[in-house]
Amino acid sequence: MGEPAHVALEALGDPNRRAILEILAGGPSSVQGIADRLPISRPAVSRHLRLLKEAELVADHPHGTQRRYELRAEGVEAVRAYFAQVWGEAAARFTLTAENLENPDAQEGA
């Protein structure tokens, strides 16, 4: 597994971080805006956002006196690509197995 996907998947192992990503999927938000929607404290949200930022799943930018957080397309794409690769390989193995089960004589003649 590629490094960006590995780090991102580790970050996604926490349900609070997944909830933060779901919130940010609706658009950029401040730490307080996120904290208002979760049953965890503002400092806890900040810690989770720091880990999501290190995993390159979110980015932040100044907005007045606050920082706004948003999803990073590149981080989300790394996770999607990882699952597409894993699923593609699994689907190919499944197809090969299914074809061999349908035509067992094909292996004997090979």
PDB file of N, CA and C in Angstrom:
ATOM      1  N   MET A   1       0.857  -1.172   0.000  1.00  0.00           N
ATOM      2  CA  MET A   1       0.000   0.000   0.000  1.00  0.00           C
ATOM      3  C   MET A   1       0.894   1.222   0.000  1.00  0.00           C
ATOM      4  N   GLY A   2       0.537   2.213  -0.811  1.00  0.00           N
ATOM      5  CA  GLY A   2       1.316   3.447  -0.873  1.00  0.00           C
ATOM      6  C   GLY A   2       1.268   4.191   0.439  1.00  0.00           C
ATOM      7  N   GLU A   3       2.305   4.953   0.715  1.00  0.00           N
ATOM      8  CA  GLU A   3       2.424   5.677   1.981  1.00  0.00           C
ATOM      9  C   GLU A   3       1.258   6.626   2.243  1.00  0.00           C
ATOM     10  N   PRO A   4       0.848   7.471   1.273  1.00  0.00           N
ATOM     11  CA  PRO A   4      -0.281   8.371   1.566  1.00  0.00           C
ATOM     12  C   PRO A   4      -1.548   7.611   1.956  1.00  0.00           C
ATOM     13  N   ALA A   5      -1.848   6.535   1.254  1.00  0.00           N
ATOM     14  CA  ALA A   5      -3.042   5.762   1.579  1.00  0.00           C
ATOM     15  C   ALA A   5      -2.896   5.101   2.939  1.00  0.00           C
ATOM     16  N   HIS A   6      -1.713   4.602   3.268  1.00  0.00           N
ATOM     17  CA  HIS A   6      -1.480   3.943   4.557  1.00  0.00           C
ATOM     18  C   HIS A   6      -1.732   4.912   5.710  1.00  0.00           C
ATOM     19  N   VAL A   7      -1.165   6.094   5.633  1.00  0.00           N
ATOM     20  CA  VAL A   7      -1.336   7.100   6.681  1.00  0.00           C
ATOM     21  C   VAL A   7      -2.794   7.527   6.767  1.00  0.00           C
ATOM     22  N   ALA A   8      -3.423   7.718   5.621  1.00  0.00           N
ATOM     23  CA  ALA A   8      -4.828   8.139   5.597  1.00  0.00           C
ATOM     24  C   ALA A   8      -5.724   7.075   6.215  1.00  0.00           C
ATOM     25  N   LEU A   9      -5.490   5.811   5.878  1.00  0.00           N
ATOM     26  CA  LEU A   9      -6.324   4.751   6.434  1.00  0.00           C
ATOM     27  C   LEU A   9      -6.137   4.627   7.940  1.00  0.00           C
ATOM     28  N   GLU A  10      -4.921   4.835   8.422  1.00  0.00           N
ATOM     29  CA  GLU A  10      -4.707   4.842   9.876  1.00  0.00           C
ATOM     30  C   GLU A  10      -5.511   5.964  10.513  1.00  0.00           C
ATOM     31  N   ALA A  11      -5.508   7.132   9.899  1.00  0.00           N
ATOM     32  CA  ALA A  11      -6.259   8.267  10.437  1.00  0.00           C
ATOM     33  C   ALA A  11      -7.753   7.974  10.442  1.00  0.00           C
ATOM     34  N   LEU A  12      -8.221   7.230   9.462  1.00  0.00           N
ATOM     35  CA  LEU A  12      -9.644   6.930   9.362  1.00  0.00           C
ATOM     36  C   LEU A  12     -10.095   5.837  10.323  1.00  0.00           C
ATOM     37  N   GLY A  13      -9.155   5.282  11.081  1.00  0.00           N
ATOM     38  CA  GLY A  13      -9.484   4.238  12.038  1.00  0.00           C
ATOM     39  C   GLY A  13     -10.278   4.740  13.238  1.00  0.00           C
ATOM     40  N   ASP A  14     -10.361   6.039  13.415  1.00  0.00           N
ATOM     41  CA  ASP A  14     -11.066   6.607  14.563  1.00  0.00           C
ATOM     42  C   ASP A  14     -12.440   7.119  14.132  1.00  0.00           C
ATOM     43  N   PRO A  15     -13.509   6.742  14.831  1.00  0.00           N
ATOM     44  CA  PRO A  15     -14.848   7.176  14.419  1.00  0.00           C
ATOM     45  C   PRO A  15     -15.049   8.690  14.479  1.00  0.00           C
ATOM     46  N   ASN A  16     -14.372   9.371  15.404  1.00  0.00           N
ATOM     47  CA  ASN A  16     -14.496  10.832  15.455  1.00  0.00           C
ATOM     48  C   ASN A  16     -13.873  11.486  14.233  1.00  0.00           C
ATOM     49  N   ARG A  17     -12.747  10.955  13.773  1.00  0.00           N
ATOM     50  CA  ARG A  17     -12.121  11.518  12.573  1.00  0.00           C
ATOM     51  C   ARG A  17     -12.978  11.250  11.342  1.00  0.00           C
ATOM     52  N   ARG A  18     -13.600  10.081  11.281  1.00  0.00           N
ATOM     53  CA  ARG A  18     -14.510   9.810  10.157  1.00  0.00           C
ATOM     54  C   ARG A  18     -15.695  10.770  10.202  1.00  0.00           C
ATOM     55  N   ALA A  19     -16.205  11.042  11.391  1.00  0.00           N
ATOM     56  CA  ALA A  19     -17.323  11.981  11.530  1.00  0.00           C
ATOM     57  C   ALA A  19     -16.906  13.380  11.091  1.00  0.00           C
ATOM     58  N   ILE A  20     -15.690  13.774  11.417  1.00  0.00           N
ATOM     59  CA  ILE A  20     -15.188  15.089  10.987  1.00  0.00           C
ATOM     60  C   ILE A  20     -15.132  15.152   9.472  1.00  0.00           C
ATOM     61  N   LEU A  21     -14.659  14.097   8.831  1.00  0.00           N
ATOM     62  CA  LEU A  21     -14.612  14.089   7.366  1.00  0.00           C
ATOM     63  C   LEU A  21     -16.012  14.176   6.776  1.00  0.00           C
ATOM     64  N   GLU A  22     -16.963  13.502   7.397  1.00  0.00           N
ATOM     65  CA  GLU A  22     -18.339  13.573   6.906  1.00  0.00           C
ATOM     66  C   GLU A  22     -18.875  14.997   7.021  1.00  0.00           C
ATOM     67  N   ILE A  23     -18.553  15.679   8.107  1.00  0.00           N
ATOM     68  CA  ILE A  23     -18.967  17.071   8.278  1.00  0.00           C
ATOM     69  C   ILE A  23     -18.323  17.932   7.189  1.00  0.00           C
ATOM     70  N   LEU A  24     -17.020  17.743   6.971  1.00  0.00           N
ATOM     71  CA  LEU A  24     -16.310  18.555   5.984  1.00  0.00           C
ATOM     72  C   LEU A  24     -16.731  18.235   4.552  1.00  0.00           C
ATOM     73  N   ALA A  25     -17.312  17.068   4.338  1.00  0.00           N
ATOM     74  CA  ALA A  25     -17.827  16.748   3.005  1.00  0.00           C
ATOM     75  C   ALA A  25     -18.942  17.719   2.622  1.00  0.00           C
ATOM     76  N   GLY A  26     -19.577  18.321   3.620  1.00  0.00           N
ATOM     77  CA  GLY A  26     -20.617  19.311   3.364  1.00  0.00           C
ATOM     78  C   GLY A  26     -20.084  20.700   3.099  1.00  0.00           C
ATOM     79  N   GLY A  27     -18.762  20.882   3.267  1.00  0.00           N
ATOM     80  CA  GLY A  27     -18.139  22.174   3.016  1.00  0.00           C
ATOM     81  C   GLY A  27     -17.197  22.559   4.138  1.00  0.00           C
ATOM     82  N   PRO A  28     -16.379  23.579   3.921  1.00  0.00           N
ATOM     83  CA  PRO A  28     -15.395  24.011   4.923  1.00  0.00           C
ATOM     84  C   PRO A  28     -16.061  24.416   6.238  1.00  0.00           C
ATOM     85  N   SER A  29     -15.315  24.257   7.325  1.00  0.00           N
ATOM     86  CA  SER A  29     -15.840  24.615   8.639  1.00  0.00           C
ATOM     87  C   SER A  29     -14.695  24.974   9.571  1.00  0.00           C
ATOM     88  N   SER A  30     -15.030  25.736  10.586  1.00  0.00           N
ATOM     89  CA  SER A  30     -14.074  26.064  11.642  1.00  0.00           C
ATOM     90  C   SER A  30     -14.052  24.932  12.665  1.00  0.00           C
ATOM     91  N   VAL A  31     -13.059  24.962  13.532  1.00  0.00           N
ATOM     92  CA  VAL A  31     -12.978  23.970  14.610  1.00  0.00           C
ATOM     93  C   VAL A  31     -14.251  24.036  15.449  1.00  0.00           C
ATOM     94  N   GLN A  32     -14.674  25.248  15.793  1.00  0.00           N
ATOM     95  CA  GLN A  32     -15.874  25.394  16.617  1.00  0.00           C
ATOM     96  C   GLN A  32     -17.107  24.867  15.896  1.00  0.00           C
ATOM     97  N   GLY A  33     -17.200  25.143  14.609  1.00  0.00           N
ATOM     98  CA  GLY A  33     -18.332  24.645  13.828  1.00  0.00           C
ATOM     99  C   GLY A  33     -18.397  23.125  13.833  1.00  0.00           C
ATOM    100  N   ILE A  34     -17.244  22.492  13.779  1.00  0.00           N
ATOM    101  CA  ILE A  34     -17.184  21.024  13.821  1.00  0.00           C
ATOM    102  C   ILE A  34     -17.530  20.548  15.228  1.00  0.00           C
ATOM    103  N   ALA A  35     -16.931  21.171  16.236  1.00  0.00           N
ATOM    104  CA  ALA A  35     -17.165  20.775  17.629  1.00  0.00           C
ATOM    105  C   ALA A  35     -18.635  20.890  18.002  1.00  0.00           C
ATOM    106  N   ASP A  36     -19.311  21.887  17.452  1.00  0.00           N
ATOM    107  CA  ASP A  36     -20.736  22.076  17.756  1.00  0.00           C
ATOM    108  C   ASP A  36     -21.585  20.905  17.262  1.00  0.00           C
ATOM    109  N   ARG A  37     -21.066  20.136  16.307  1.00  0.00           N
ATOM    110  CA  ARG A  37     -21.828  19.030  15.720  1.00  0.00           C
ATOM    111  C   ARG A  37     -21.416  17.661  16.253  1.00  0.00           C
ATOM    112  N   LEU A  38     -20.435  17.642  17.162  1.00  0.00           N
ATOM    113  CA  LEU A  38     -19.934  16.367  17.686  1.00  0.00           C
ATOM    114  C   LEU A  38     -19.986  16.354  19.216  1.00  0.00           C
ATOM    115  N   PRO A  39     -20.040  15.173  19.801  1.00  0.00           N
ATOM    116  CA  PRO A  39     -20.068  15.078  21.266  1.00  0.00           C
ATOM    117  C   PRO A  39     -18.666  15.061  21.886  1.00  0.00           C
ATOM    118  N   ILE A  40     -17.740  15.803  21.276  1.00  0.00           N
ATOM    119  CA  ILE A  40     -16.383  15.884  21.821  1.00  0.00           C
ATOM    120  C   ILE A  40     -16.010  17.358  21.944  1.00  0.00           C
ATOM    121  N   SER A  41     -14.982  17.626  22.754  1.00  0.00           N
ATOM    122  CA  SER A  41     -14.589  19.007  23.036  1.00  0.00           C
ATOM    123  C   SER A  41     -13.879  19.648  21.844  1.00  0.00           C
ATOM    124  N   ARG A  42     -13.813  20.959  21.880  1.00  0.00           N
ATOM    125  CA  ARG A  42     -13.102  21.711  20.840  1.00  0.00           C
ATOM    126  C   ARG A  42     -11.625  21.316  20.782  1.00  0.00           C
ATOM    127  N   PRO A  43     -10.928  21.176  21.958  1.00  0.00           N
ATOM    128  CA  PRO A  43      -9.524  20.726  21.893  1.00  0.00           C
ATOM    129  C   PRO A  43      -9.381  19.330  21.267  1.00  0.00           C
ATOM    130  N   ALA A  44     -10.352  18.452  21.524  1.00  0.00           N
ATOM    131  CA  ALA A  44     -10.292  17.111  20.921  1.00  0.00           C
ATOM    132  C   ALA A  44     -10.463  17.212  19.409  1.00  0.00           C
ATOM    133  N   VAL A  45     -11.373  18.079  18.956  1.00  0.00           N
ATOM    134  CA  VAL A  45     -11.555  18.278  17.520  1.00  0.00           C
ATOM    135  C   VAL A  45     -10.254  18.791  16.910  1.00  0.00           C
ATOM    136  N   SER A  46      -9.605  19.718  17.586  1.00  0.00           N
ATOM    137  CA  SER A  46      -8.325  20.258  17.080  1.00  0.00           C
ATOM    138  C   SER A  46      -7.282  19.164  16.937  1.00  0.00           C
ATOM    139  N   ARG A  47      -7.206  18.270  17.918  1.00  0.00           N
ATOM    140  CA  ARG A  47      -6.235  17.160  17.843  1.00  0.00           C
ATOM    141  C   ARG A  47      -6.559  16.247  16.659  1.00  0.00           C
ATOM    142  N   HIS A  48      -7.839  15.933  16.483  1.00  0.00           N
ATOM    143  CA  HIS A  48      -8.237  15.073  15.366  1.00  0.00           C
ATOM    144  C   HIS A  48      -7.942  15.755  14.030  1.00  0.00           C
ATOM    145  N   LEU A  49      -8.203  17.049  13.945  1.00  0.00           N
ATOM    146  CA  LEU A  49      -7.919  17.780  12.711  1.00  0.00           C
ATOM    147  C   LEU A  49      -6.421  17.791  12.411  1.00  0.00           C
ATOM    148  N   ARG A  50      -5.597  17.903  13.444  1.00  0.00           N
ATOM    149  CA  ARG A  50      -4.147  17.880  13.238  1.00  0.00           C
ATOM    150  C   ARG A  50      -3.733  16.543  12.614  1.00  0.00           C
ATOM    151  N   LEU A  51      -4.277  15.442  13.134  1.00  0.00           N
ATOM    152  CA  LEU A  51      -3.944  14.126  12.579  1.00  0.00           C
ATOM    153  C   LEU A  51      -4.474  13.964  11.155  1.00  0.00           C
ATOM    154  N   LEU A  52      -5.667  14.477  10.902  1.00  0.00           N
ATOM    155  CA  LEU A  52      -6.213  14.409   9.542  1.00  0.00           C
ATOM    156  C   LEU A  52      -5.391  15.260   8.576  1.00  0.00           C
ATOM    157  N   LYS A  53      -4.882  16.375   9.078  1.00  0.00           N
ATOM    158  CA  LYS A  53      -4.030  17.233   8.249  1.00  0.00           C
ATOM    159  C   LYS A  53      -2.700  16.527   7.961  1.00  0.00           C
ATOM    160  N   GLU A  54      -2.112  15.887   8.969  1.00  0.00           N
ATOM    161  CA  GLU A  54      -0.863  15.137   8.768  1.00  0.00           C
ATOM    162  C   GLU A  54      -1.070  13.992   7.773  1.00  0.00           C
ATOM    163  N   ALA A  55      -2.280  13.416   7.763  1.00  0.00           N
ATOM    164  CA  ALA A  55      -2.600  12.328   6.833  1.00  0.00           C
ATOM    165  C   ALA A  55      -2.985  12.862   5.459  1.00  0.00           C
ATOM    166  N   GLU A  56      -2.933  14.182   5.300  1.00  0.00           N
ATOM    167  CA  GLU A  56      -3.240  14.858   4.038  1.00  0.00           C
ATOM    168  C   GLU A  56      -4.679  14.655   3.579  1.00  0.00           C
ATOM    169  N   LEU A  57      -5.589  14.457   4.547  1.00  0.00           N
ATOM    170  CA  LEU A  57      -7.001  14.326   4.222  1.00  0.00           C
ATOM    171  C   LEU A  57      -7.739  15.653   4.321  1.00  0.00           C
ATOM    172  N   VAL A  58      -7.202  16.583   5.114  1.00  0.00           N
ATOM    173  CA  VAL A  58      -7.802  17.913   5.226  1.00  0.00           C
ATOM    174  C   VAL A  58      -6.721  18.970   5.082  1.00  0.00           C
ATOM    175  N   ALA A  59      -7.160  20.153   4.715  1.00  0.00           N
ATOM    176  CA  ALA A  59      -6.276  21.317   4.634  1.00  0.00           C
ATOM    177  C   ALA A  59      -6.953  22.431   5.415  1.00  0.00           C
ATOM    178  N   ASP A  60      -6.165  23.399   5.860  1.00  0.00           N
ATOM    179  CA  ASP A  60      -6.741  24.545   6.549  1.00  0.00           C
ATOM    180  C   ASP A  60      -6.236  25.822   5.898  1.00  0.00           C
ATOM    181  N   HIS A  61      -7.010  26.871   6.058  1.00  0.00           N
ATOM    182  CA  HIS A  61      -6.619  28.172   5.529  1.00  0.00           C
ATOM    183  C   HIS A  61      -7.252  29.246   6.400  1.00  0.00           C
ATOM    184  N   PRO A  62      -6.602  30.409   6.482  1.00  0.00           N
ATOM    185  CA  PRO A  62      -7.148  31.483   7.311  1.00  0.00           C
ATOM    186  C   PRO A  62      -8.449  32.028   6.739  1.00  0.00           C
ATOM    187  N   HIS A  63      -9.342  32.364   7.636  1.00  0.00           N
ATOM    188  CA  HIS A  63     -10.619  32.971   7.258  1.00  0.00           C
ATOM    189  C   HIS A  63     -10.955  33.973   8.367  1.00  0.00           C
ATOM    190  N   GLY A  64     -10.542  35.206   8.164  1.00  0.00           N
ATOM    191  CA  GLY A  64     -10.693  36.207   9.227  1.00  0.00           C
ATOM    192  C   GLY A  64      -9.784  35.844  10.390  1.00  0.00           C
ATOM    193  N   THR A  65     -10.364  35.744  11.570  1.00  0.00           N
ATOM    194  CA  THR A  65      -9.580  35.392  12.764  1.00  0.00           C
ATOM    195  C   THR A  65      -9.575  33.896  13.029  1.00  0.00           C
ATOM    196  N   GLN A  66     -10.240  33.118  12.168  1.00  0.00           N
ATOM    197  CA  GLN A  66     -10.328  31.673  12.351  1.00  0.00           C
ATOM    198  C   GLN A  66      -9.546  30.944  11.267  1.00  0.00           C
ATOM    199  N   ARG A  67      -9.427  29.655  11.480  1.00  0.00           N
ATOM    200  CA  ARG A  67      -8.915  28.777  10.430  1.00  0.00           C
ATOM    201  C   ARG A  67     -10.088  27.926   9.985  1.00  0.00           C
ATOM    202  N   ARG A  68     -10.213  27.757   8.688  1.00  0.00           N
ATOM    203  CA  ARG A  68     -11.277  26.920   8.125  1.00  0.00           C
ATOM    204  C   ARG A  68     -10.624  25.645   7.593  1.00  0.00           C
ATOM    205  N   TYR A  69     -11.282  24.538   7.844  1.00  0.00           N
ATOM    206  CA  TYR A  69     -10.789  23.235   7.401  1.00  0.00           C
ATOM    207  C   TYR A  69     -11.682  22.720   6.289  1.00  0.00           C
ATOM    208  N   GLU A  70     -11.045  22.026   5.335  1.00  0.00           N
ATOM    209  CA  GLU A  70     -11.780  21.440   4.225  1.00  0.00           C
ATOM    210  C   GLU A  70     -11.106  20.153   3.790  1.00  0.00           C
ATOM    211  N   LEU A  71     -11.853  19.318   3.079  1.00  0.00           N
ATOM    212  CA  LEU A  71     -11.286  18.073   2.565  1.00  0.00           C
ATOM    213  C   LEU A  71     -10.223  18.381   1.518  1.00  0.00           C
ATOM    214  N   ARG A  72      -9.185  17.549   1.495  1.00  0.00           N
ATOM    215  CA  ARG A  72      -8.158  17.632   0.441  1.00  0.00           C
ATOM    216  C   ARG A  72      -8.461  16.549  -0.572  1.00  0.00           C
ATOM    217  N   ALA A  73      -8.710  16.950  -1.792  1.00  0.00           N
ATOM    218  CA  ALA A  73      -9.057  15.998  -2.846  1.00  0.00           C
ATOM    219  C   ALA A  73      -7.962  14.946  -3.033  1.00  0.00           C
ATOM    220  N   GLU A  74      -6.704  15.351  -2.923  1.00  0.00           N
ATOM    221  CA  GLU A  74      -5.601  14.406  -3.145  1.00  0.00           C
ATOM    222  C   GLU A  74      -5.597  13.292  -2.106  1.00  0.00           C
ATOM    223  N   GLY A  75      -5.872  13.630  -0.855  1.00  0.00           N
ATOM    224  CA  GLY A  75      -5.886  12.617   0.207  1.00  0.00           C
ATOM    225  C   GLY A  75      -7.038  11.656   0.040  1.00  0.00           C
ATOM    226  N   VAL A  76      -8.192  12.197  -0.263  1.00  0.00           N
ATOM    227  CA  VAL A  76      -9.363  11.362  -0.474  1.00  0.00           C
ATOM    228  C   VAL A  76      -9.143  10.468  -1.690  1.00  0.00           C
ATOM    229  N   GLU A  77      -8.522  10.996  -2.732  1.00  0.00           N
ATOM    230  CA  GLU A  77      -8.247  10.215  -3.942  1.00  0.00           C
ATOM    231  C   GLU A  77      -7.272   9.074  -3.650  1.00  0.00           C
ATOM    232  N   ALA A  78      -6.288   9.293  -2.779  1.00  0.00           N
ATOM    233  CA  ALA A  78      -5.335   8.231  -2.438  1.00  0.00           C
ATOM    234  C   ALA A  78      -6.051   7.052  -1.791  1.00  0.00           C
ATOM    235  N   VAL A  79      -7.006   7.328  -0.926  1.00  0.00           N
ATOM    236  CA  VAL A  79      -7.772   6.262  -0.281  1.00  0.00           C
ATOM    237  C   VAL A  79      -8.653   5.552  -1.317  1.00  0.00           C
ATOM    238  N   ARG A  80      -9.320   6.334  -2.180  1.00  0.00           N
ATOM    239  CA  ARG A  80     -10.166   5.742  -3.213  1.00  0.00           C
ATOM    240  C   ARG A  80      -9.343   4.852  -4.144  1.00  0.00           C
ATOM    241  N   ALA A  81      -8.171   5.330  -4.544  1.00  0.00           N
ATOM    242  CA  ALA A  81      -7.312   4.559  -5.447  1.00  0.00           C
ATOM    243  C   ALA A  81      -6.850   3.258  -4.790  1.00  0.00           C
ATOM    244  N   TYR A  82      -6.552   3.315  -3.498  1.00  0.00           N
ATOM    245  CA  TYR A  82      -6.138   2.102  -2.781  1.00  0.00           C
ATOM    246  C   TYR A  82      -7.252   1.054  -2.836  1.00  0.00           C
ATOM    247  N   PHE A  83      -8.477   1.482  -2.502  1.00  0.00           N
ATOM    248  CA  PHE A  83      -9.584   0.528  -2.517  1.00  0.00           C
ATOM    249  C   PHE A  83      -9.897   0.048  -3.925  1.00  0.00           C
ATOM    250  N   ALA A  84      -9.761   0.904  -4.915  1.00  0.00           N
ATOM    251  CA  ALA A  84      -9.985   0.486  -6.302  1.00  0.00           C
ATOM    252  C   ALA A  84      -8.967  -0.573  -6.703  1.00  0.00           C
ATOM    253  N   GLN A  85      -7.721  -0.388  -6.289  1.00  0.00           N
ATOM    254  CA  GLN A  85      -6.676  -1.374  -6.611  1.00  0.00           C
ATOM    255  C   GLN A  85      -6.965  -2.705  -5.922  1.00  0.00           C
ATOM    256  N   VAL A  86      -7.258  -2.644  -4.625  1.00  0.00           N
ATOM    257  CA  VAL A  86      -7.527  -3.876  -3.879  1.00  0.00           C
ATOM    258  C   VAL A  86      -8.745  -4.584  -4.463  1.00  0.00           C
ATOM    259  N   TRP A  87      -9.806  -3.819  -4.718  1.00  0.00           N
ATOM    260  CA  TRP A  87     -11.013  -4.431  -5.269  1.00  0.00           C
ATOM    261  C   TRP A  87     -10.755  -4.984  -6.662  1.00  0.00           C
ATOM    262  N   GLY A  88     -10.001  -4.269  -7.483  1.00  0.00           N
ATOM    263  CA  GLY A  88      -9.701  -4.744  -8.830  1.00  0.00           C
ATOM    264  C   GLY A  88      -8.960  -6.070  -8.807  1.00  0.00           C
ATOM    265  N   GLU A  89      -7.986  -6.186  -7.918  1.00  0.00           N
ATOM    266  CA  GLU A  89      -7.233  -7.438  -7.804  1.00  0.00           C
ATOM    267  C   GLU A  89      -8.125  -8.562  -7.285  1.00  0.00           C
ATOM    268  N   ALA A  90      -8.964  -8.267  -6.303  1.00  0.00           N
ATOM    269  CA  ALA A  90      -9.863  -9.288  -5.757  1.00  0.00           C
ATOM    270  C   ALA A  90     -10.883  -9.720  -6.812  1.00  0.00           C
ATOM    271  N   ALA A  91     -11.415  -8.767  -7.555  1.00  0.00           N
ATOM    272  CA  ALA A  91     -12.402  -9.085  -8.591  1.00  0.00           C
ATOM    273  C   ALA A  91     -11.777  -9.949  -9.681  1.00  0.00           C
ATOM    274  N   ALA A  92     -10.532  -9.666 -10.045  1.00  0.00           N
ATOM    275  CA  ALA A  92      -9.855 -10.469 -11.067  1.00  0.00           C
ATOM    276  C   ALA A  92      -9.661 -11.901 -10.588  1.00  0.00           C
ATOM    277  N   ARG A  93      -9.259 -12.068  -9.314  1.00  0.00           N
ATOM    278  CA  ARG A  93      -9.094 -13.419  -8.766  1.00  0.00           C
ATOM    279  C   ARG A  93     -10.432 -14.156  -8.722  1.00  0.00           C
ATOM    280  N   PHE A  94     -11.487 -13.446  -8.323  1.00  0.00           N
ATOM    281  CA  PHE A  94     -12.815 -14.040  -8.259  1.00  0.00           C
ATOM    282  C   PHE A  94     -13.260 -14.497  -9.643  1.00  0.00           C
ATOM    283  N   THR A  95     -13.057 -13.646 -10.652  1.00  0.00           N
ATOM    284  CA  THR A  95     -13.449 -13.980 -12.020  1.00  0.00           C
ATOM    285  C   THR A  95     -12.688 -15.211 -12.502  1.00  0.00           C
ATOM    286  N   LEU A  96     -11.403 -15.257 -12.252  1.00  0.00           N
ATOM    287  CA  LEU A  96     -10.596 -16.407 -12.666  1.00  0.00           C
ATOM    288  C   LEU A  96     -11.077 -17.677 -11.978  1.00  0.00           C
ATOM    289  N   THR A  97     -11.352 -17.600 -10.689  1.00  0.00           N
ATOM    290  CA  THR A  97     -11.843 -18.757  -9.945  1.00  0.00           C
ATOM    291  C   THR A  97     -13.192 -19.210 -10.491  1.00  0.00           C
ATOM    292  N   ALA A  98     -14.088 -18.253 -10.728  1.00  0.00           N
ATOM    293  CA  ALA A  98     -15.419 -18.588 -11.241  1.00  0.00           C
ATOM    294  C   ALA A  98     -15.317 -19.242 -12.615  1.00  0.00           C
ATOM    295  N   GLU A  99     -14.447 -18.733 -13.475  1.00  0.00           N
ATOM    296  CA  GLU A  99     -14.286 -19.312 -14.807  1.00  0.00           C
ATOM    297  C   GLU A  99     -13.745 -20.729 -14.712  1.00  0.00           C
ATOM    298  N   ASN A 100     -12.825 -20.971 -13.795  1.00  0.00           N
ATOM    299  CA  ASN A 100     -12.265 -22.316 -13.631  1.00  0.00           C
ATOM    300  C   ASN A 100     -13.293 -23.281 -13.061  1.00  0.00           C
ATOM    301  N   LEU A 101     -14.188 -22.800 -12.214  1.00  0.00           N
ATOM    302  CA  LEU A 101     -15.225 -23.658 -11.665  1.00  0.00           C
ATOM    303  C   LEU A 101     -16.277 -24.018 -12.723  1.00  0.00           C
ATOM    304  N   GLU A 102     -16.550 -23.062 -13.625  1.00  0.00           N
ATOM    305  CA  GLU A 102     -17.514 -23.301 -14.688  1.00  0.00           C
ATOM    306  C   GLU A 102     -16.971 -24.276 -15.726  1.00  0.00           C
ATOM    307  N   ASN A 103     -15.656 -24.273 -15.938  1.00  0.00           N
ATOM    308  CA  ASN A 103     -15.057 -25.094 -16.987  1.00  0.00           C
ATOM    309  C   ASN A 103     -13.824 -25.802 -16.423  1.00  0.00           C
ATOM    310  N   PRO A 104     -14.041 -26.833 -15.575  1.00  0.00           N
ATOM    311  CA  PRO A 104     -12.899 -27.517 -14.948  1.00  0.00           C
ATOM    312  C   PRO A 104     -11.994 -28.219 -15.955  1.00  0.00           C
ATOM    313  N   ASP A 105     -12.494 -28.541 -17.126  1.00  0.00           N
ATOM    314  CA  ASP A 105     -11.665 -29.196 -18.141  1.00  0.00           C
ATOM    315  C   ASP A 105     -10.639 -28.266 -18.727  1.00  0.00           C
ATOM    316  N   ALA A 106     -10.851 -26.958 -18.576  1.00  0.00           N
ATOM    317  CA  ALA A 106      -9.923 -25.975 -19.159  1.00  0.00           C
ATOM    318  C   ALA A 106      -8.546 -26.107 -18.534  1.00  0.00           C
ATOM    319  N   GLN A 107      -8.460 -26.410 -17.243  1.00  0.00           N
ATOM    320  CA  GLN A 107      -7.161 -26.548 -16.593  1.00  0.00           C
ATOM    321  C   GLN A 107      -6.484 -27.858 -16.980  1.00  0.00           C
ATOM    322  N   GLU A 108      -7.277 -28.924 -17.160  1.00  0.00           N
ATOM    323  CA  GLU A 108      -6.688 -30.217 -17.504  1.00  0.00           C
ATOM    324  C   GLU A 108      -6.063 -30.190 -18.886  1.00  0.00           C
ATOM    325  N   GLY A 109      -6.661 -29.469 -19.791  1.00  0.00           N
ATOM    326  CA  GLY A 109      -6.145 -29.405 -21.139  1.00  0.00           C
ATOM    327  C   GLY A 109      -5.004 -28.432 -21.302  1.00  0.00           C
ATOM    328  N   ALA A 110      -4.751 -27.615 -20.294  1.00  0.00           N
ATOM    329  CA  ALA A 110      -3.720 -26.584 -20.398  1.00  0.00           C
ATOM    330  C   ALA A 110      -2.355 -27.161 -20.187  1.00  0.00           C
TER     331      ALA A 110
END
